[in-house]
Amino acid sequence: MKLILTQEVTGLGHAGDVVVVKDGYARNALIPNGRAIAWSQGGEKQIEGIKRARTAREIRDRDHATEIKASLEKSEIVVKVKVGATGSMFGSVTDKDIVAAIKSTTGVDIDRHRIKAVGHIKKLGSHAIKVSLHSAVTANVTISVVAA
C-alpha cells in the first residue's frame, strides 16, 4: 500500500516521504496511529506542507545543535499549570506543554518526540528533562512548573 508519512517512523522514513508498505502494517499500525495517510493525488499536495513544517523544526547539523543546546541550557523555562485549592495539579505536564514553553522562551521550535522526561511531571517545582537535539548532542534542561 502506498502511504504518505505524517510523522517520522523509525526504519521507514521521515514526515512527507511517500513509502510502500504491506497492507496489514498500513491498516493496523500506521494509519490508525496517525503516522501516515493513504496516498492519493490530493494527498500529494499535502507533502509540500508537511516537508516545509519538518524543515522548520529540523536541526541542520551538529554545530547548529550545539548552539541550540547552549541557548536551552542557559534559559529559564517556565511551564504554567492549573492547580487546585490544595496546590495539587490538574493532570500532568505533557511534552506538548514543554515544547510550547521552550518556543515561547527561546523561540526554538523542537519536535516533541525529542523530549525525554523521567516519568510524568505531576508536581510543582523544578524538574530535569533531556532534549535529544542530534545523535551526539543532548541538552539537559531544567523546567520550572508553577501555578498559573
C-alpha atoms as a PDB file:
ATOM      1  CA  MET A   1       0.000   0.000   0.000  1.00  0.00           C
ATOM      2  CA  LYS A   2       1.325   3.439  -0.891  1.00  0.00           C
ATOM      3  CA  LEU A   3       1.313   5.925   2.007  1.00  0.00           C
ATOM      4  CA  ILE A   4       2.414   9.447   2.864  1.00  0.00           C
ATOM      5  CA  LEU A   5       4.121   9.626   6.265  1.00  0.00           C
ATOM      6  CA  THR A   6       2.884  12.382   8.571  1.00  0.00           C
ATOM      7  CA  GLN A   7       5.484  11.658  11.283  1.00  0.00           C
ATOM      8  CA  GLU A   8       8.929  10.153  11.392  1.00  0.00           C
ATOM      9  CA  VAL A   9       8.759   6.356  11.560  1.00  0.00           C
ATOM     10  CA  THR A  10      11.975   4.630  12.607  1.00  0.00           C
ATOM     11  CA  GLY A  11      13.306   2.417   9.858  1.00  0.00           C
ATOM     12  CA  LEU A  12      10.768   3.664   7.319  1.00  0.00           C
ATOM     13  CA  GLY A  13      11.177   7.379   6.660  1.00  0.00           C
ATOM     14  CA  HIS A  14      10.536  10.971   7.654  1.00  0.00           C
ATOM     15  CA  ALA A  15       7.408  13.108   7.543  1.00  0.00           C
ATOM     16  CA  GLY A  16       6.396  13.847   3.969  1.00  0.00           C
ATOM     17  CA  ASP A  17       8.001  10.743   2.463  1.00  0.00           C
ATOM     18  CA  VAL A  18       5.981   8.503   0.168  1.00  0.00           C
ATOM     19  CA  VAL A  19       6.525   4.850   1.101  1.00  0.00           C
ATOM     20  CA  VAL A  20       5.169   1.478   0.064  1.00  0.00           C
ATOM     21  CA  VAL A  21       4.415  -0.940   2.917  1.00  0.00           C
ATOM     22  CA  LYS A  22       2.430  -4.129   3.370  1.00  0.00           C
ATOM     23  CA  ASP A  23      -1.328  -3.632   3.633  1.00  0.00           C
ATOM     24  CA  GLY A  24      -1.609  -5.045   7.169  1.00  0.00           C
ATOM     25  CA  TYR A  25       1.117  -2.756   8.545  1.00  0.00           C
ATOM     26  CA  ALA A  26      -0.594   0.236   6.964  1.00  0.00           C
ATOM     27  CA  ARG A  27      -4.116  -0.632   8.144  1.00  0.00           C
ATOM     28  CA  ASN A  28      -3.202  -1.803  11.651  1.00  0.00           C
ATOM     29  CA  ALA A  29      -0.271   0.358  12.722  1.00  0.00           C
ATOM     30  CA  LEU A  30       0.458   3.411  10.613  1.00  0.00           C
ATOM     31  CA  ILE A  31      -2.934   4.839   9.619  1.00  0.00           C
ATOM     32  CA  PRO A  32      -4.819   4.292  12.940  1.00  0.00           C
ATOM     33  CA  ASN A  33      -1.971   5.850  14.941  1.00  0.00           C
ATOM     34  CA  GLY A  34      -1.890   8.923  12.694  1.00  0.00           C
ATOM     35  CA  ARG A  35       1.623   8.268  11.437  1.00  0.00           C
ATOM     36  CA  ALA A  36       0.556   8.056   7.791  1.00  0.00           C
ATOM     37  CA  ILE A  37      -2.265   8.802   5.387  1.00  0.00           C
ATOM     38  CA  ALA A  38      -3.229   6.880   2.273  1.00  0.00           C
ATOM     39  CA  TRP A  39      -1.560   8.184  -0.866  1.00  0.00           C
ATOM     40  CA  SER A  40      -3.741   9.991  -3.400  1.00  0.00           C
ATOM     41  CA  GLN A  41      -3.402  12.755  -5.953  1.00  0.00           C
ATOM     42  CA  GLY A  42      -4.827  15.245  -3.429  1.00  0.00           C
ATOM     43  CA  GLY A  43      -2.502  13.923  -0.755  1.00  0.00           C
ATOM     44  CA  GLU A  44       0.486  14.680  -3.000  1.00  0.00           C
ATOM     45  CA  LYS A  45      -0.270  18.371  -2.466  1.00  0.00           C
ATOM     46  CA  GLN A  46      -0.011  17.951   1.310  1.00  0.00           C
ATOM     47  CA  ILE A  47       3.522  16.592   1.039  1.00  0.00           C
ATOM     48  CA  GLU A  48       4.961  20.040   0.397  1.00  0.00           C
ATOM     49  CA  GLY A  49       3.318  21.448   3.537  1.00  0.00           C
ATOM     50  CA  ILE A  50       4.478  18.522   5.638  1.00  0.00           C
ATOM     51  CA  LYS A  51       8.057  18.855   4.389  1.00  0.00           C
ATOM     52  CA  ARG A  52       8.033  22.619   4.966  1.00  0.00           C
ATOM     53  CA  ALA A  53       6.965  22.089   8.592  1.00  0.00           C
ATOM     54  CA  ARG A  54       9.642  19.410   9.022  1.00  0.00           C
ATOM     55  CA  THR A  55      12.448  21.645   7.744  1.00  0.00           C
ATOM     56  CA  ALA A  56      11.339  24.428  10.097  1.00  0.00           C
ATOM     57  CA  ARG A  57      11.775  22.063  13.077  1.00  0.00           C
ATOM     58  CA  GLU A  58      14.840  20.271  11.756  1.00  0.00           C
ATOM     59  CA  ILE A  59      18.246  20.841  13.223  1.00  0.00           C
ATOM     60  CA  ARG A  60      20.717  21.366  10.401  1.00  0.00           C
ATOM     61  CA  ASP A  61      23.941  19.871  11.773  1.00  0.00           C
ATOM     62  CA  ARG A  62      25.973  19.249  14.902  1.00  0.00           C
ATOM     63  CA  ASP A  63      27.140  22.869  15.220  1.00  0.00           C
ATOM     64  CA  HIS A  64      23.555  24.102  14.997  1.00  0.00           C
ATOM     65  CA  ALA A  65      22.530  21.528  17.635  1.00  0.00           C
ATOM     66  CA  THR A  66      25.331  22.767  19.919  1.00  0.00           C
ATOM     67  CA  GLU A  67      24.102  26.362  19.556  1.00  0.00           C
ATOM     68  CA  ILE A  68      20.566  25.337  20.421  1.00  0.00           C
ATOM     69  CA  LYS A  69      21.849  23.309  23.394  1.00  0.00           C
ATOM     70  CA  ALA A  70      23.663  26.352  24.769  1.00  0.00           C
ATOM     71  CA  SER A  71      20.559  28.553  24.436  1.00  0.00           C
ATOM     72  CA  LEU A  72      18.313  25.931  26.047  1.00  0.00           C
ATOM     73  CA  GLU A  73      20.604  25.243  28.991  1.00  0.00           C
ATOM     74  CA  LYS A  74      21.111  28.912  29.881  1.00  0.00           C
ATOM     75  CA  SER A  75      17.437  29.913  29.616  1.00  0.00           C
ATOM     76  CA  GLU A  76      14.854  29.523  32.356  1.00  0.00           C
ATOM     77  CA  ILE A  77      11.881  27.566  31.041  1.00  0.00           C
ATOM     78  CA  VAL A  78       8.645  28.062  32.951  1.00  0.00           C
ATOM     79  CA  VAL A  79       5.529  25.949  32.453  1.00  0.00           C
ATOM     80  CA  LYS A  80       2.344  27.376  33.977  1.00  0.00           C
ATOM     81  CA  VAL A  81      -0.321  24.888  35.049  1.00  0.00           C
ATOM     82  CA  LYS A  82      -3.712  24.998  36.730  1.00  0.00           C
ATOM     83  CA  VAL A  83      -3.727  23.968  40.370  1.00  0.00           C
ATOM     84  CA  GLY A  84      -6.473  23.291  42.865  1.00  0.00           C
ATOM     85  CA  ALA A  85      -7.095  24.948  46.222  1.00  0.00           C
ATOM     86  CA  THR A  86      -4.791  22.459  47.922  1.00  0.00           C
ATOM     87  CA  GLY A  87      -1.958  23.173  45.485  1.00  0.00           C
ATOM     88  CA  SER A  88      -2.235  19.924  43.548  1.00  0.00           C
ATOM     89  CA  MET A  89      -2.079  19.975  39.757  1.00  0.00           C
ATOM     90  CA  PHE A  90      -4.891  19.051  37.408  1.00  0.00           C
ATOM     91  CA  GLY A  91      -3.350  16.361  35.197  1.00  0.00           C
ATOM     92  CA  SER A  92       0.336  16.414  34.364  1.00  0.00           C
ATOM     93  CA  VAL A  93       2.794  18.405  32.279  1.00  0.00           C
ATOM     94  CA  THR A  94       2.964  16.915  28.788  1.00  0.00           C
ATOM     95  CA  ASP A  95       5.683  17.108  26.194  1.00  0.00           C
ATOM     96  CA  LYS A  96       3.452  19.490  24.218  1.00  0.00           C
ATOM     97  CA  ASP A  97       3.394  21.882  27.191  1.00  0.00           C
ATOM     98  CA  ILE A  98       7.180  21.729  27.420  1.00  0.00           C
ATOM     99  CA  VAL A  99       7.585  22.386  23.675  1.00  0.00           C
ATOM    100  CA  ALA A 100       5.257  25.396  23.912  1.00  0.00           C
ATOM    101  CA  ALA A 101       7.219  26.777  26.880  1.00  0.00           C
ATOM    102  CA  ILE A 102      10.539  26.301  25.071  1.00  0.00           C
ATOM    103  CA  LYS A 103       9.201  28.031  21.962  1.00  0.00           C
ATOM    104  CA  SER A 104       7.831  30.981  23.931  1.00  0.00           C
ATOM    105  CA  THR A 105      11.035  31.381  25.962  1.00  0.00           C
ATOM    106  CA  THR A 106      13.769  30.774  23.385  1.00  0.00           C
ATOM    107  CA  GLY A 107      11.942  30.877  20.056  1.00  0.00           C
ATOM    108  CA  VAL A 108      13.332  27.442  19.146  1.00  0.00           C
ATOM    109  CA  ASP A 109      10.817  25.012  17.650  1.00  0.00           C
ATOM    110  CA  ILE A 110      11.615  21.483  18.822  1.00  0.00           C
ATOM    111  CA  ASP A 111       9.849  18.269  17.878  1.00  0.00           C
ATOM    112  CA  ARG A 112       8.018  16.911  20.920  1.00  0.00           C
ATOM    113  CA  HIS A 113       9.352  13.411  20.310  1.00  0.00           C
ATOM    114  CA  ARG A 114      12.868  14.616  21.133  1.00  0.00           C
ATOM    115  CA  ILE A 115      11.931  15.389  24.754  1.00  0.00           C
ATOM    116  CA  LYS A 116      12.748  12.732  27.347  1.00  0.00           C
ATOM    117  CA  ALA A 117      11.351  13.303  30.840  1.00  0.00           C
ATOM    118  CA  VAL A 118      11.844  10.892  33.708  1.00  0.00           C
ATOM    119  CA  GLY A 119       8.265   9.782  34.399  1.00  0.00           C
ATOM    120  CA  HIS A 120       5.256  12.050  34.438  1.00  0.00           C
ATOM    121  CA  ILE A 121       5.614  15.551  35.840  1.00  0.00           C
ATOM    122  CA  LYS A 122       2.770  15.875  38.356  1.00  0.00           C
ATOM    123  CA  LYS A 123       4.219  18.242  40.957  1.00  0.00           C
ATOM    124  CA  LEU A 124       5.133  21.903  41.077  1.00  0.00           C
ATOM    125  CA  GLY A 125       8.809  22.825  41.229  1.00  0.00           C
ATOM    126  CA  SER A 126      11.941  22.252  39.169  1.00  0.00           C
ATOM    127  CA  HIS A 127      12.305  19.177  37.003  1.00  0.00           C
ATOM    128  CA  ALA A 128      15.203  17.974  34.850  1.00  0.00           C
ATOM    129  CA  ILE A 129      14.495  16.817  31.307  1.00  0.00           C
ATOM    130  CA  LYS A 130      16.699  15.825  28.402  1.00  0.00           C
ATOM    131  CA  VAL A 131      16.244  17.087  24.860  1.00  0.00           C
ATOM    132  CA  SER A 132      17.881  14.996  22.146  1.00  0.00           C
ATOM    133  CA  LEU A 133      18.911  17.552  19.532  1.00  0.00           C
ATOM    134  CA  HIS A 134      21.283  15.451  17.434  1.00  0.00           C
ATOM    135  CA  SER A 135      22.666  11.947  17.613  1.00  0.00           C
ATOM    136  CA  ALA A 136      25.683  13.280  19.518  1.00  0.00           C
ATOM    137  CA  VAL A 137      24.124  16.323  21.265  1.00  0.00           C
ATOM    138  CA  THR A 138      21.721  16.128  24.211  1.00  0.00           C
ATOM    139  CA  ALA A 139      20.682  19.182  26.215  1.00  0.00           C
ATOM    140  CA  ASN A 140      19.972  18.886  29.937  1.00  0.00           C
ATOM    141  CA  VAL A 141      17.222  21.398  30.606  1.00  0.00           C
ATOM    142  CA  THR A 142      15.614  22.373  33.895  1.00  0.00           C
ATOM    143  CA  ILE A 143      11.988  23.420  33.707  1.00  0.00           C
ATOM    144  CA  SER A 144      10.074  25.154  36.447  1.00  0.00           C
ATOM    145  CA  VAL A 145       6.456  24.151  36.893  1.00  0.00           C
ATOM    146  CA  VAL A 146       4.486  26.962  38.552  1.00  0.00           C
ATOM    147  CA  ALA A 147       0.843  27.697  39.289  1.00  0.00           C
ATOM    148  CA  ALA A 148      -0.945  29.811  36.688  1.00  0.00           C
END
